[in-house]
PDB file of N, CA and C in Angstrom:
ATOM      1  N   GLY A   1       0.835  -1.173  -0.015  1.00  0.00           N
ATOM      2  CA  GLY A   1      -0.011  -0.011  -0.043  1.00  0.00           C
ATOM      3  C   GLY A   1       0.873   1.251  -0.037  1.00  0.00           C
ATOM      4  N   LYS A   2       0.158   2.401   0.110  1.00  0.00           N
ATOM      5  CA  LYS A   2       0.913   3.634   0.055  1.00  0.00           C
ATOM      6  C   LYS A   2       1.978   3.789   1.136  1.00  0.00           C
ATOM      7  N   ASP A   3       1.839   3.085   2.230  1.00  0.00           N
ATOM      8  CA  ASP A   3       2.747   3.191   3.354  1.00  0.00           C
ATOM      9  C   ASP A   3       3.884   2.172   3.304  1.00  0.00           C
ATOM     10  N   GLY A   4       3.785   1.207   2.370  1.00  0.00           N
ATOM     11  CA  GLY A   4       4.726   0.164   2.272  1.00  0.00           C
ATOM     12  C   GLY A   4       4.208  -1.160   2.676  1.00  0.00           C
ATOM     13  N   CYS A   5       5.141  -2.032   3.072  1.00  0.00           N
ATOM     14  CA  CYS A   5       4.709  -3.413   3.529  1.00  0.00           C
ATOM     15  C   CYS A   5       5.686  -3.909   4.628  1.00  0.00           C
ATOM     16  N   TYR A   6       5.270  -5.021   5.182  1.00  0.00           N
ATOM     17  CA  TYR A   6       6.133  -5.630   6.133  1.00  0.00           C
ATOM     18  C   TYR A   6       6.561  -6.997   5.530  1.00  0.00           C
ATOM     19  N   VAL A   7       7.811  -7.419   5.831  1.00  0.00           N
ATOM     20  CA  VAL A   7       8.264  -8.706   5.475  1.00  0.00           C
ATOM     21  C   VAL A   7       8.757  -9.412   6.742  1.00  0.00           C
ATOM     22  N   THR A   8       8.547 -10.712   6.874  1.00  0.00           N
ATOM     23  CA  THR A   8       9.070 -11.427   8.049  1.00  0.00           C
ATOM     24  C   THR A   8       9.483 -12.857   7.637  1.00  0.00           C
ATOM     25  N   ASP A   9      10.474 -13.327   8.295  1.00  0.00           N
ATOM     26  CA  ASP A   9      11.003 -14.743   8.144  1.00  0.00           C
ATOM     27  C   ASP A   9      10.438 -15.551   9.298  1.00  0.00           C
ATOM     28  N   GLY A  10       9.564 -15.005  10.103  1.00  0.00           N
ATOM     29  CA  GLY A  10       9.036 -15.769  11.223  1.00  0.00           C
ATOM     30  C   GLY A  10       9.685 -15.459  12.466  1.00  0.00           C
ATOM     31  N   LYS A  11      10.938 -14.820  12.397  1.00  0.00           N
ATOM     32  CA  LYS A  11      11.712 -14.529  13.579  1.00  0.00           C
ATOM     33  C   LYS A  11      11.847 -12.975  13.690  1.00  0.00           C
ATOM     34  N   THR A  12      11.946 -12.312  12.610  1.00  0.00           N
ATOM     35  CA  THR A  12      12.074 -10.843  12.644  1.00  0.00           C
ATOM     36  C   THR A  12      11.156 -10.253  11.581  1.00  0.00           C
ATOM     37  N   ALA A  13      10.679  -9.046  11.834  1.00  0.00           N
ATOM     38  CA  ALA A  13       9.893  -8.391  10.811  1.00  0.00           C
ATOM     39  C   ALA A  13      10.476  -7.012  10.429  1.00  0.00           C
ATOM     40  N   GLU A  14      10.262  -6.608   9.290  1.00  0.00           N
ATOM     41  CA  GLU A  14      10.846  -5.307   8.821  1.00  0.00           C
ATOM     42  C   GLU A  14       9.861  -4.619   7.920  1.00  0.00           C
ATOM     43  N   ARG A  15       9.725  -3.307   8.131  1.00  0.00           N
ATOM     44  CA  ARG A  15       8.859  -2.440   7.323  1.00  0.00           C
ATOM     45  C   ARG A  15       9.737  -1.975   6.132  1.00  0.00           C
ATOM     46  N   VAL A  16       9.129  -2.088   4.921  1.00  0.00           N
ATOM     47  CA  VAL A  16       9.756  -1.554   3.739  1.00  0.00           C
ATOM     48  C   VAL A  16       8.857  -0.526   3.164  1.00  0.00           C
ATOM     49  N   PRO A  17       9.320   0.710   3.130  1.00  0.00           N
ATOM     50  CA  PRO A  17       8.475   1.809   2.703  1.00  0.00           C
ATOM     51  C   PRO A  17       8.172   1.753   1.186  1.00  0.00           C
ATOM     52  N   ALA A  18       7.004   2.386   0.869  1.00  0.00           N
ATOM     53  CA  ALA A  18       6.687   2.476  -0.567  1.00  0.00           C
ATOM     54  C   ALA A  18       7.507   3.551  -1.262  1.00  0.00           C
ATOM     55  N   PHE A  19       7.645   3.543  -2.491  1.00  0.00           N
ATOM     56  CA  PHE A  19       8.321   4.592  -3.210  1.00  0.00           C
ATOM     57  C   PHE A  19       7.337   5.745  -3.406  1.00  0.00           C
ATOM     58  N   LYS A  20       7.762   6.961  -3.319  1.00  0.00           N
ATOM     59  CA  LYS A  20       6.925   8.114  -3.567  1.00  0.00           C
ATOM     60  C   LYS A  20       6.831   8.343  -5.128  1.00  0.00           C
ATOM     61  N   VAL A  21       5.654   8.121  -5.591  1.00  0.00           N
ATOM     62  CA  VAL A  21       5.379   8.204  -7.018  1.00  0.00           C
ATOM     63  C   VAL A  21       4.044   8.905  -7.260  1.00  0.00           C
ATOM     64  N   LYS A  22       3.785   9.451  -8.380  1.00  0.00           N
ATOM     65  CA  LYS A  22       2.510   9.998  -8.760  1.00  0.00           C
ATOM     66  C   LYS A  22       1.585   8.880  -9.117  1.00  0.00           C
ATOM     67  N   VAL A  23       0.446   8.854  -8.373  1.00  0.00           N
ATOM     68  CA  VAL A  23      -0.522   7.756  -8.612  1.00  0.00           C
ATOM     69  C   VAL A  23      -1.627   8.256  -9.600  1.00  0.00           C
ATOM     70  N   VAL A  24      -1.769   7.390 -10.733  1.00  0.00           N
ATOM     71  CA  VAL A  24      -2.788   7.654 -11.670  1.00  0.00           C
ATOM     72  C   VAL A  24      -3.921   6.611 -11.648  1.00  0.00           C
ATOM     73  N   ASP A  25      -3.530   5.390 -11.461  1.00  0.00           N
ATOM     74  CA  ASP A  25      -4.477   4.278 -11.369  1.00  0.00           C
ATOM     75  C   ASP A  25      -3.856   3.049 -10.593  1.00  0.00           C
ATOM     76  N   THR A  26      -4.549   2.575  -9.617  1.00  0.00           N
ATOM     77  CA  THR A  26      -3.940   1.555  -8.786  1.00  0.00           C
ATOM     78  C   THR A  26      -4.305   0.149  -9.283  1.00  0.00           C
ATOM     79  N   THR A  27      -5.130   0.022 -10.356  1.00  0.00           N
ATOM     80  CA  THR A  27      -5.456  -1.240 -10.876  1.00  0.00           C
ATOM     81  C   THR A  27      -4.229  -2.009 -11.222  1.00  0.00           C
ATOM     82  N   GLY A  28      -4.098  -3.166 -10.716  1.00  0.00           N
ATOM     83  CA  GLY A  28      -2.957  -4.066 -10.988  1.00  0.00           C
ATOM     84  C   GLY A  28      -1.714  -3.900 -10.154  1.00  0.00           C
ATOM     85  N   ALA A  29      -1.827  -2.973  -9.162  1.00  0.00           N
ATOM     86  CA  ALA A  29      -0.656  -2.660  -8.323  1.00  0.00           C
ATOM     87  C   ALA A  29      -0.293  -3.893  -7.486  1.00  0.00           C
ATOM     88  N   GLY A  30      -1.239  -4.580  -6.919  1.00  0.00           N
ATOM     89  CA  GLY A  30      -0.949  -5.758  -6.145  1.00  0.00           C
ATOM     90  C   GLY A  30      -0.362  -6.922  -6.906  1.00  0.00           C
ATOM     91  N   ASP A  31      -0.913  -7.059  -8.100  1.00  0.00           N
ATOM     92  CA  ASP A  31      -0.383  -8.134  -8.968  1.00  0.00           C
ATOM     93  C   ASP A  31       1.058  -7.838  -9.357  1.00  0.00           C
ATOM     94  N   THR A  32       1.343  -6.530  -9.779  1.00  0.00           N
ATOM     95  CA  THR A  32       2.661  -6.245 -10.138  1.00  0.00           C
ATOM     96  C   THR A  32       3.624  -6.307  -8.948  1.00  0.00           C
ATOM     97  N   PHE A  33       3.153  -5.903  -7.727  1.00  0.00           N
ATOM     98  CA  PHE A  33       3.923  -6.027  -6.567  1.00  0.00           C
ATOM     99  C   PHE A  33       4.416  -7.546  -6.500  1.00  0.00           C
ATOM    100  N   ASN A  34       3.359  -8.420  -6.488  1.00  0.00           N
ATOM    101  CA  ASN A  34       3.632  -9.860  -6.316  1.00  0.00           C
ATOM    102  C   ASN A  34       4.590 -10.412  -7.450  1.00  0.00           C
ATOM    103  N   ALA A  35       4.421  -9.917  -8.640  1.00  0.00           N
ATOM    104  CA  ALA A  35       5.305 -10.298  -9.737  1.00  0.00           C
ATOM    105  C   ALA A  35       6.790 -10.002  -9.485  1.00  0.00           C
ATOM    106  N   GLY A  36       6.942  -8.731  -9.050  1.00  0.00           N
ATOM    107  CA  GLY A  36       8.325  -8.281  -8.741  1.00  0.00           C
ATOM    108  C   GLY A  36       8.907  -8.962  -7.535  1.00  0.00           C
ATOM    109  N   PHE A  37       8.051  -9.197  -6.538  1.00  0.00           N
ATOM    110  CA  PHE A  37       8.536  -9.925  -5.302  1.00  0.00           C
ATOM    111  C   PHE A  37       8.939 -11.302  -5.684  1.00  0.00           C
ATOM    112  N   ILE A  38       8.098 -12.082  -6.380  1.00  0.00           N
ATOM    113  CA  ILE A  38       8.368 -13.466  -6.712  1.00  0.00           C
ATOM    114  C   ILE A  38       9.601 -13.554  -7.613  1.00  0.00           C
ATOM    115  N   THR A  39       9.726 -12.662  -8.600  1.00  0.00           N
ATOM    116  CA  THR A  39      10.902 -12.625  -9.513  1.00  0.00           C
ATOM    117  C   THR A  39      12.168 -12.540  -8.700  1.00  0.00           C
ATOM    118  N   ALA A  40      12.134 -11.565  -7.819  1.00  0.00           N
ATOM    119  CA  ALA A  40      13.334 -11.339  -6.911  1.00  0.00           C
ATOM    120  C   ALA A  40      13.609 -12.704  -6.053  1.00  0.00           C
ATOM    121  N   TYR A  41      12.561 -13.180  -5.528  1.00  0.00           N
ATOM    122  CA  TYR A  41      12.659 -14.324  -4.669  1.00  0.00           C
ATOM    123  C   TYR A  41      13.274 -15.541  -5.376  1.00  0.00           C
ATOM    124  N   ILE A  42      12.791 -15.826  -6.516  1.00  0.00           N
ATOM    125  CA  ILE A  42      13.300 -16.975  -7.279  1.00  0.00           C
ATOM    126  C   ILE A  42      14.727 -16.732  -7.802  1.00  0.00           C
ATOM    127  N   ASN A  43      15.146 -15.450  -7.718  1.00  0.00           N
ATOM    128  CA  ASN A  43      16.540 -15.100  -8.137  1.00  0.00           C
ATOM    129  C   ASN A  43      17.426 -14.996  -6.867  1.00  0.00           C
ATOM    130  N   GLY A  44      16.942 -15.492  -5.710  1.00  0.00           N
ATOM    131  CA  GLY A  44      17.822 -15.567  -4.507  1.00  0.00           C
ATOM    132  C   GLY A  44      17.990 -14.326  -3.755  1.00  0.00           C
ATOM    133  N   ARG A  45      17.071 -13.384  -3.875  1.00  0.00           N
ATOM    134  CA  ARG A  45      17.203 -12.103  -3.160  1.00  0.00           C
ATOM    135  C   ARG A  45      16.649 -12.345  -1.731  1.00  0.00           C
ATOM    136  N   SER A  46      17.047 -11.513  -0.726  1.00  0.00           N
ATOM    137  CA  SER A  46      16.520 -11.492   0.580  1.00  0.00           C
ATOM    138  C   SER A  46      15.090 -11.043   0.604  1.00  0.00           C
ATOM    139  N   LEU A  47      14.373 -11.310   1.631  1.00  0.00           N
ATOM    140  CA  LEU A  47      12.990 -10.903   1.734  1.00  0.00           C
ATOM    141  C   LEU A  47      12.878  -9.378   1.646  1.00  0.00           C
ATOM    142  N   ARG A  48      13.776  -8.640   2.205  1.00  0.00           N
ATOM    143  CA  ARG A  48      13.761  -7.209   2.131  1.00  0.00           C
ATOM    144  C   ARG A  48      13.945  -6.707   0.661  1.00  0.00           C
ATOM    145  N   GLU A  49      14.944  -7.251  -0.001  1.00  0.00           N
ATOM    146  CA  GLU A  49      15.126  -6.950  -1.402  1.00  0.00           C
ATOM    147  C   GLU A  49      13.920  -7.314  -2.275  1.00  0.00           C
ATOM    148  N   CYS A  50      13.294  -8.443  -1.962  1.00  0.00           N
ATOM    149  CA  CYS A  50      12.088  -8.863  -2.685  1.00  0.00           C
ATOM    150  C   CYS A  50      11.027  -7.799  -2.493  1.00  0.00           C
ATOM    151  N   ALA A  51      10.833  -7.315  -1.341  1.00  0.00           N
ATOM    152  CA  ALA A  51       9.763  -6.279  -0.987  1.00  0.00           C
ATOM    153  C   ALA A  51      10.178  -5.010  -1.791  1.00  0.00           C
ATOM    154  N   VAL A  52      11.433  -4.563  -1.759  1.00  0.00           N
ATOM    155  CA  VAL A  52      11.832  -3.322  -2.418  1.00  0.00           C
ATOM    156  C   VAL A  52      11.620  -3.500  -3.906  1.00  0.00           C
ATOM    157  N   ILE A  53      11.904  -4.532  -4.454  1.00  0.00           N
ATOM    158  CA  ILE A  53      11.707  -4.832  -5.936  1.00  0.00           C
ATOM    159  C   ILE A  53      10.175  -4.857  -6.257  1.00  0.00           C
ATOM    160  N   GLY A  54       9.431  -5.480  -5.468  1.00  0.00           N
ATOM    161  CA  GLY A  54       7.943  -5.519  -5.579  1.00  0.00           C
ATOM    162  C   GLY A  54       7.365  -4.125  -5.471  1.00  0.00           C
ATOM    163  N   ALA A  55       7.862  -3.320  -4.525  1.00  0.00           N
ATOM    164  CA  ALA A  55       7.375  -1.937  -4.383  1.00  0.00           C
ATOM    165  C   ALA A  55       7.699  -1.103  -5.595  1.00  0.00           C
ATOM    166  N   ALA A  56       8.899  -1.327  -6.184  1.00  0.00           N
ATOM    167  CA  ALA A  56       9.370  -0.551  -7.354  1.00  0.00           C
ATOM    168  C   ALA A  56       8.464  -0.946  -8.568  1.00  0.00           C
ATOM    169  N   THR A  57       8.181  -2.184  -8.648  1.00  0.00           N
ATOM    170  CA  THR A  57       7.338  -2.742  -9.813  1.00  0.00           C
ATOM    171  C   THR A  57       5.998  -2.144  -9.681  1.00  0.00           C
ATOM    172  N   ALA A  58       5.351  -2.148  -8.485  1.00  0.00           N
ATOM    173  CA  ALA A  58       4.027  -1.538  -8.205  1.00  0.00           C
ATOM    174  C   ALA A  58       4.060  -0.132  -8.452  1.00  0.00           C
ATOM    175  N   GLY A  59       5.037   0.520  -7.918  1.00  0.00           N
ATOM    176  CA  GLY A  59       5.227   1.928  -8.054  1.00  0.00           C
ATOM    177  C   GLY A  59       5.230   2.424  -9.461  1.00  0.00           C
ATOM    178  N   LEU A  60       5.873   1.702 -10.340  1.00  0.00           N
ATOM    179  CA  LEU A  60       5.907   2.091 -11.723  1.00  0.00           C
ATOM    180  C   LEU A  60       4.499   1.850 -12.386  1.00  0.00           C
ATOM    181  N   LYS A  61       3.856   0.795 -11.992  1.00  0.00           N
ATOM    182  CA  LYS A  61       2.534   0.441 -12.572  1.00  0.00           C
ATOM    183  C   LYS A  61       1.512   1.503 -12.287  1.00  0.00           C
ATOM    184  N   VAL A  62       1.447   2.014 -11.074  1.00  0.00           N
ATOM    185  CA  VAL A  62       0.359   2.990 -10.675  1.00  0.00           C
ATOM    186  C   VAL A  62       0.545   4.351 -11.392  1.00  0.00           C
ATOM    187  N   GLY A  63       1.680   4.567 -12.100  1.00  0.00           N
ATOM    188  CA  GLY A  63       1.900   5.829 -12.780  1.00  0.00           C
ATOM    189  C   GLY A  63       1.075   5.996 -14.063  1.00  0.00           C
ATOM    190  N   GLY A  64       0.299   4.984 -14.447  1.00  0.00           N
ATOM    191  CA  GLY A  64      -0.403   5.078 -15.702  1.00  0.00           C
ATOM    192  C   GLY A  64      -1.614   4.100 -15.733  1.00  0.00           C
ATOM    193  N   VAL A  65      -2.294   4.078 -16.848  1.00  0.00           N
ATOM    194  CA  VAL A  65      -3.482   3.252 -16.956  1.00  0.00           C
ATOM    195  C   VAL A  65      -3.331   2.187 -17.999  1.00  0.00           C
ATOM    196  N   GLY A  66      -3.649   0.975 -17.749  1.00  0.00           N
ATOM    197  CA  GLY A  66      -3.718  -0.024 -18.752  1.00  0.00           C
ATOM    198  C   GLY A  66      -2.448  -0.853 -18.853  1.00  0.00           C
ATOM    199  N   TRP A  67      -2.490  -1.755 -19.833  1.00  0.00           N
ATOM    200  CA  TRP A  67      -1.422  -2.776 -19.940  1.00  0.00           C
ATOM    201  C   TRP A  67      -0.148  -2.126 -20.323  1.00  0.00           C
ATOM    202  N   THR A  68      -0.162  -1.085 -21.036  1.00  0.00           N
ATOM    203  CA  THR A  68       1.103  -0.467 -21.491  1.00  0.00           C
ATOM    204  C   THR A  68       1.961   0.069 -20.279  1.00  0.00           C
ATOM    205  N   THR A  69       1.389   0.199 -19.103  1.00  0.00           N
ATOM    206  CA  THR A  69       2.136   0.685 -17.984  1.00  0.00           C
ATOM    207  C   THR A  69       2.679  -0.389 -17.147  1.00  0.00           C
ATOM    208  N   TYR A  70       2.364  -1.628 -17.463  1.00  0.00           N
ATOM    209  CA  TYR A  70       3.071  -2.731 -16.744  1.00  0.00           C
ATOM    210  C   TYR A  70       4.593  -2.659 -16.979  1.00  0.00           C
ATOM    211  N   PRO A  71       5.462  -2.514 -16.017  1.00  0.00           N
ATOM    212  CA  PRO A  71       6.860  -2.220 -16.246  1.00  0.00           C
ATOM    213  C   PRO A  71       7.596  -3.466 -16.666  1.00  0.00           C
ATOM    214  N   THR A  72       8.579  -3.299 -17.589  1.00  0.00           N
ATOM    215  CA  THR A  72       9.514  -4.311 -17.923  1.00  0.00           C
ATOM    216  C   THR A  72      10.597  -4.390 -16.874  1.00  0.00           C
ATOM    217  N   ARG A  73      11.414  -5.466 -16.906  1.00  0.00           N
ATOM    218  CA  ARG A  73      12.557  -5.591 -15.998  1.00  0.00           C
ATOM    219  C   ARG A  73      13.520  -4.531 -16.165  1.00  0.00           C
ATOM    220  N   GLU A  74      13.802  -4.053 -17.386  1.00  0.00           N
ATOM    221  CA  GLU A  74      14.632  -2.913 -17.615  1.00  0.00           C
ATOM    222  C   GLU A  74      14.162  -1.663 -17.015  1.00  0.00           C
ATOM    223  N   LYS A  75      12.934  -1.354 -17.065  1.00  0.00           N
ATOM    224  CA  LYS A  75      12.291  -0.129 -16.418  1.00  0.00           C
ATOM    225  C   LYS A  75      12.452  -0.233 -14.862  1.00  0.00           C
ATOM    226  N   VAL A  76      12.152  -1.535 -14.332  1.00  0.00           N
ATOM    227  CA  VAL A  76      12.266  -1.638 -12.971  1.00  0.00           C
ATOM    228  C   VAL A  76      13.686  -1.447 -12.469  1.00  0.00           C
ATOM    229  N   ASN A  77      14.625  -2.060 -13.128  1.00  0.00           N
ATOM    230  CA  ASN A  77      16.081  -1.941 -12.878  1.00  0.00           C
ATOM    231  C   ASN A  77      16.503  -0.456 -12.881  1.00  0.00           C
ATOM    232  N   LYS A  78      16.065   0.320 -13.899  1.00  0.00           N
ATOM    233  CA  LYS A  78      16.450   1.697 -13.979  1.00  0.00           C
ATOM    234  C   LYS A  78      15.866   2.450 -12.851  1.00  0.00           C
ATOM    235  N   PHE A  79      14.642   2.250 -12.522  1.00  0.00           N
ATOM    236  CA  PHE A  79      13.925   2.964 -11.392  1.00  0.00           C
ATOM    237  C   PHE A  79      14.672   2.638 -10.068  1.00  0.00           C
ATOM    238  N   LEU A  80      14.961   1.279  -9.912  1.00  0.00           N
ATOM    239  CA  LEU A  80      15.712   0.946  -8.701  1.00  0.00           C
ATOM    240  C   LEU A  80      17.082   1.683  -8.593  1.00  0.00           C
ATOM    241  N   ARG A  81      17.886   1.749  -9.684  1.00  0.00           N
ATOM    242  CA  ARG A  81      19.118   2.391  -9.633  1.00  0.00           C
ATOM    243  C   ARG A  81      19.002   3.909  -9.315  1.00  0.00           C
ATOM    244  N   GLU A  82      17.979   4.487  -9.931  1.00  0.00           N
ATOM    245  CA  GLU A  82      17.774   5.860  -9.763  1.00  0.00           C
ATOM    246  C   GLU A  82      17.341   6.224  -8.332  1.00  0.00           C
ATOM    247  N   ASN A  83      16.868   5.259  -7.561  1.00  0.00           N
ATOM    248  CA  ASN A  83      16.388   5.410  -6.222  1.00  0.00           C
ATOM    249  C   ASN A  83      17.354   4.781  -5.260  1.00  0.00           C
ATOM    250  N   GLY A  84      18.559   4.419  -5.679  1.00  0.00           N
ATOM    251  CA  GLY A  84      19.518   3.990  -4.677  1.00  0.00           C
ATOM    252  C   GLY A  84      19.536   2.511  -4.409  1.00  0.00           C
ATOM    253  N   HIS A  85      18.956   1.695  -5.248  1.00  0.00           N
ATOM    254  CA  HIS A  85      18.807   0.309  -4.995  1.00  0.00           C
ATOM    255  C   HIS A  85      19.416  -0.586  -6.054  1.00  0.00           C
ATOM    256  N   ASN A  86      19.791  -1.792  -5.844  1.00  0.00           N
ATOM    257  CA  ASN A  86      20.235  -2.752  -6.958  1.00  0.00           C
ATOM    258  C   ASN A  86      19.075  -3.334  -7.653  1.00  0.00           C
ATOM    259  N   GLY A  87      19.239  -3.515  -8.953  1.00  0.00           N
ATOM    260  CA  GLY A  87      18.194  -4.141  -9.699  1.00  0.00           C
ATOM    261  C   GLY A  87      18.383  -5.646  -9.767  1.00  0.00           C
ATOM    262  N   LEU A  88      17.659  -6.313 -10.668  1.00  0.00           N
ATOM    263  CA  LEU A  88      17.685  -7.749 -10.805  1.00  0.00           C
ATOM    264  C   LEU A  88      18.702  -8.061 -11.894  1.00  0.00           C
TER     265      LEU A  88
END
């Protein structure tokens, strides 16, 4: 959501803030968050990194309307680098 998310391994929990972006349409934000999170997870990233990548993916999606705004890996990686994070 707009405030971010929590990740936990069952022992510790951590809040990962959302990226500050202009919101146009939230349709598909949860699905794109999940896609980014799962992609990071299957590539061996920590839960925190998965949440950051998921948040970046969703943050890019909410900036527009429709299928054309679903972000590519290249767009997510560029956004992450511009915001001080490593991409996939």
